Amino acid sequence: MEDAPAPEEVSSERITSHTDLVTPLPRKRVVTLCLVLFGESFVASVLFPFVSFMVRDFGVAEDDESIGYYAGYLASAFFFGQFVSSFFWGWLRYITFMRCMRICSFSGAVIVLVVV
């Protein structure tokens, strides 16, 4: 069993600089992704303050105790609809221009937030 060589005995060919080991981070894409995730979570959180009042005022629940269940079902349906439609929007993005779809999705989120 050989001992490991001392640090001064290691050849200089094996030592690489720190910049060779670090992969550059695509900052523009990461910032865009963070903005999209923030906008999506903001749009999703707009639903919760008024969904229980909507269930109560539409007369969906028979009593006050079941309002929470129906509000949960309605919020779950919202996220399920996003899940199902995301495949369509992803497919549409691949056959159209990505920039066009990005602009359409951002402007759609802004319009929904302004209307609500």
C-alpha atoms as a PDB file:
ATOM      1  CA  MET A   1       0.000   0.000   0.000  1.00  0.00           C
ATOM      2  CA  GLU A   2       1.574   3.244  -1.122  1.00  0.00           C
ATOM      3  CA  ASP A   3       1.248   6.453   0.771  1.00  0.00           C
ATOM      4  CA  ALA A   4      -0.357   9.422  -0.967  1.00  0.00           C
ATOM      5  CA  PRO A   5       2.209  11.881  -2.332  1.00  0.00           C
ATOM      6  CA  ALA A   6       2.811  15.054  -0.443  1.00  0.00           C
ATOM      7  CA  PRO A   7       1.167  18.169  -1.911  1.00  0.00           C
ATOM      8  CA  GLU A   8       4.504  19.530  -3.118  1.00  0.00           C
ATOM      9  CA  GLU A   9       5.165  16.295  -5.049  1.00  0.00           C
ATOM     10  CA  VAL A  10       2.000  16.480  -7.187  1.00  0.00           C
ATOM     11  CA  SER A  11       2.757  17.379 -10.784  1.00  0.00           C
ATOM     12  CA  SER A  12       1.497  20.695 -12.092  1.00  0.00           C
ATOM     13  CA  GLU A  13      -0.334  19.014 -15.001  1.00  0.00           C
ATOM     14  CA  ARG A  14      -2.922  17.559 -12.639  1.00  0.00           C
ATOM     15  CA  ILE A  15      -3.722  20.871 -11.020  1.00  0.00           C
ATOM     16  CA  THR A  16      -6.376  22.858 -12.840  1.00  0.00           C
ATOM     17  CA  SER A  17      -7.484  26.336 -12.093  1.00  0.00           C
ATOM     18  CA  HIS A  18     -10.658  27.011 -10.167  1.00  0.00           C
ATOM     19  CA  THR A  19     -12.278  28.648 -13.193  1.00  0.00           C
ATOM     20  CA  ASP A  20     -11.978  25.433 -15.214  1.00  0.00           C
ATOM     21  CA  LEU A  21     -14.050  23.554 -12.647  1.00  0.00           C
ATOM     22  CA  VAL A  22     -16.888  26.086 -12.340  1.00  0.00           C
ATOM     23  CA  THR A  23     -19.655  26.003 -14.907  1.00  0.00           C
ATOM     24  CA  PRO A  24     -20.935  29.474 -15.723  1.00  0.00           C
ATOM     25  CA  LEU A  25     -24.491  30.069 -14.552  1.00  0.00           C
ATOM     26  CA  PRO A  26     -26.885  31.338 -17.229  1.00  0.00           C
ATOM     27  CA  ARG A  27     -28.014  34.332 -15.200  1.00  0.00           C
ATOM     28  CA  LYS A  28     -30.539  35.642 -17.722  1.00  0.00           C
ATOM     29  CA  ARG A  29     -32.382  32.327 -17.841  1.00  0.00           C
ATOM     30  CA  VAL A  30     -32.288  31.909 -14.074  1.00  0.00           C
ATOM     31  CA  VAL A  31     -33.664  35.422 -13.514  1.00  0.00           C
ATOM     32  CA  THR A  32     -36.404  34.764 -16.079  1.00  0.00           C
ATOM     33  CA  LEU A  33     -37.270  31.482 -14.376  1.00  0.00           C
ATOM     34  CA  CYS A  34     -37.425  33.182 -10.972  1.00  0.00           C
ATOM     35  CA  LEU A  35     -39.736  35.879 -12.344  1.00  0.00           C
ATOM     36  CA  VAL A  36     -42.022  33.274 -13.893  1.00  0.00           C
ATOM     37  CA  LEU A  37     -42.173  31.263 -10.664  1.00  0.00           C
ATOM     38  CA  PHE A  38     -42.864  34.388  -8.631  1.00  0.00           C
ATOM     39  CA  GLY A  39     -45.622  35.453 -11.011  1.00  0.00           C
ATOM     40  CA  GLU A  40     -47.164  31.991 -11.007  1.00  0.00           C
ATOM     41  CA  SER A  41     -47.199  31.745  -7.220  1.00  0.00           C
ATOM     42  CA  PHE A  42     -48.650  35.248  -7.001  1.00  0.00           C
ATOM     43  CA  VAL A  43     -51.446  34.406  -9.444  1.00  0.00           C
ATOM     44  CA  ALA A  44     -52.172  31.177  -7.555  1.00  0.00           C
ATOM     45  CA  SER A  45     -52.314  32.966  -4.193  1.00  0.00           C
ATOM     46  CA  VAL A  46     -54.870  35.498  -5.485  1.00  0.00           C
ATOM     47  CA  LEU A  47     -57.448  32.698  -5.521  1.00  0.00           C
ATOM     48  CA  PHE A  48     -57.415  31.919  -1.809  1.00  0.00           C
ATOM     49  CA  PRO A  49     -58.784  35.107  -0.179  1.00  0.00           C
ATOM     50  CA  PHE A  50     -62.120  34.986  -1.972  1.00  0.00           C
ATOM     51  CA  VAL A  51     -62.763  31.336  -2.807  1.00  0.00           C
ATOM     52  CA  SER A  52     -64.531  30.586   0.490  1.00  0.00           C
ATOM     53  CA  PHE A  53     -66.813  33.609   0.076  1.00  0.00           C
ATOM     54  CA  MET A  54     -67.548  32.555  -3.494  1.00  0.00           C
ATOM     55  CA  VAL A  55     -68.535  29.055  -2.357  1.00  0.00           C
ATOM     56  CA  ARG A  56     -70.756  30.505   0.375  1.00  0.00           C
ATOM     57  CA  ASP A  57     -72.421  33.131  -1.846  1.00  0.00           C
ATOM     58  CA  PHE A  58     -73.113  30.727  -4.710  1.00  0.00           C
ATOM     59  CA  GLY A  59     -74.850  28.371  -2.272  1.00  0.00           C
ATOM     60  CA  VAL A  60     -72.692  25.376  -3.080  1.00  0.00           C
ATOM     61  CA  ALA A  61     -72.237  24.323   0.549  1.00  0.00           C
ATOM     62  CA  GLU A  62     -75.213  23.301   2.648  1.00  0.00           C
ATOM     63  CA  ASP A  63     -73.719  24.511   5.930  1.00  0.00           C
ATOM     64  CA  ASP A  64     -70.770  26.592   7.092  1.00  0.00           C
ATOM     65  CA  GLU A  65     -68.726  23.525   8.047  1.00  0.00           C
ATOM     66  CA  SER A  66     -68.560  22.175   4.476  1.00  0.00           C
ATOM     67  CA  ILE A  67     -67.423  25.471   2.912  1.00  0.00           C
ATOM     68  CA  GLY A  68     -63.779  24.539   3.529  1.00  0.00           C
ATOM     69  CA  TYR A  69     -64.125  21.229   1.722  1.00  0.00           C
ATOM     70  CA  TYR A  70     -65.706  22.790  -1.354  1.00  0.00           C
ATOM     71  CA  ALA A  71     -63.183  25.642  -1.357  1.00  0.00           C
ATOM     72  CA  GLY A  72     -60.405  23.038  -1.257  1.00  0.00           C
ATOM     73  CA  TYR A  73     -61.967  21.151  -4.148  1.00  0.00           C
ATOM     74  CA  LEU A  74     -62.215  24.360  -6.157  1.00  0.00           C
ATOM     75  CA  ALA A  75     -58.589  25.334  -5.452  1.00  0.00           C
ATOM     76  CA  SER A  76     -57.464  21.803  -6.348  1.00  0.00           C
ATOM     77  CA  ALA A  77     -59.391  22.006  -9.609  1.00  0.00           C
ATOM     78  CA  PHE A  78     -57.535  25.227 -10.441  1.00  0.00           C
ATOM     79  CA  PHE A  79     -54.136  23.585 -10.004  1.00  0.00           C
ATOM     80  CA  PHE A  80     -55.256  20.417 -11.781  1.00  0.00           C
ATOM     81  CA  GLY A  81     -56.376  22.549 -14.730  1.00  0.00           C
ATOM     82  CA  GLN A  82     -52.939  24.141 -14.822  1.00  0.00           C
ATOM     83  CA  PHE A  83     -51.320  20.714 -14.768  1.00  0.00           C
ATOM     84  CA  VAL A  84     -53.448  19.388 -17.620  1.00  0.00           C
ATOM     85  CA  SER A  85     -53.124  22.487 -19.784  1.00  0.00           C
ATOM     86  CA  SER A  86     -49.362  22.781 -19.289  1.00  0.00           C
ATOM     87  CA  PHE A  87     -48.779  19.919 -21.733  1.00  0.00           C
ATOM     88  CA  PHE A  88     -50.751  21.777 -24.418  1.00  0.00           C
ATOM     89  CA  TRP A  89     -48.885  25.039 -23.789  1.00  0.00           C
ATOM     90  CA  GLY A  90     -45.553  23.216 -23.888  1.00  0.00           C
ATOM     91  CA  TRP A  91     -46.441  21.561 -27.177  1.00  0.00           C
ATOM     92  CA  LEU A  92     -47.589  24.884 -28.605  1.00  0.00           C
ATOM     93  CA  ARG A  93     -44.355  26.505 -27.511  1.00  0.00           C
ATOM     94  CA  TYR A  94     -42.300  24.002 -29.488  1.00  0.00           C
ATOM     95  CA  ILE A  95     -44.196  24.568 -32.722  1.00  0.00           C
ATOM     96  CA  THR A  96     -44.315  28.366 -32.363  1.00  0.00           C
ATOM     97  CA  PHE A  97     -41.691  30.856 -31.355  1.00  0.00           C
ATOM     98  CA  MET A  98     -40.636  30.645 -27.740  1.00  0.00           C
ATOM     99  CA  ARG A  99     -40.449  34.417 -27.341  1.00  0.00           C
ATOM    100  CA  CYS A 100     -44.021  34.823 -28.607  1.00  0.00           C
ATOM    101  CA  MET A 101     -45.339  32.265 -26.117  1.00  0.00           C
ATOM    102  CA  ARG A 102     -43.393  33.880 -23.277  1.00  0.00           C
ATOM    103  CA  ILE A 103     -44.870  37.288 -24.079  1.00  0.00           C
ATOM    104  CA  CYS A 104     -48.371  35.824 -24.362  1.00  0.00           C
ATOM    105  CA  SER A 105     -48.115  34.036 -21.018  1.00  0.00           C
ATOM    106  CA  PHE A 106     -46.745  37.088 -19.195  1.00  0.00           C
ATOM    107  CA  SER A 107     -49.356  39.395 -20.695  1.00  0.00           C
ATOM    108  CA  GLY A 108     -52.115  36.903 -19.882  1.00  0.00           C
ATOM    109  CA  ALA A 109     -51.037  36.753 -16.247  1.00  0.00           C
ATOM    110  CA  VAL A 110     -50.945  40.557 -16.060  1.00  0.00           C
ATOM    111  CA  ILE A 111     -54.422  40.859 -17.615  1.00  0.00           C
ATOM    112  CA  VAL A 112     -55.859  38.331 -15.167  1.00  0.00           C
ATOM    113  CA  LEU A 113     -54.299  40.150 -12.210  1.00  0.00           C
ATOM    114  CA  VAL A 114     -55.639  43.517 -13.378  1.00  0.00           C
ATOM    115  CA  VAL A 115     -59.139  42.174 -14.004  1.00  0.00           C
ATOM    116  CA  VAL A 116     -59.341  40.390 -10.655  1.00  0.00           C
END
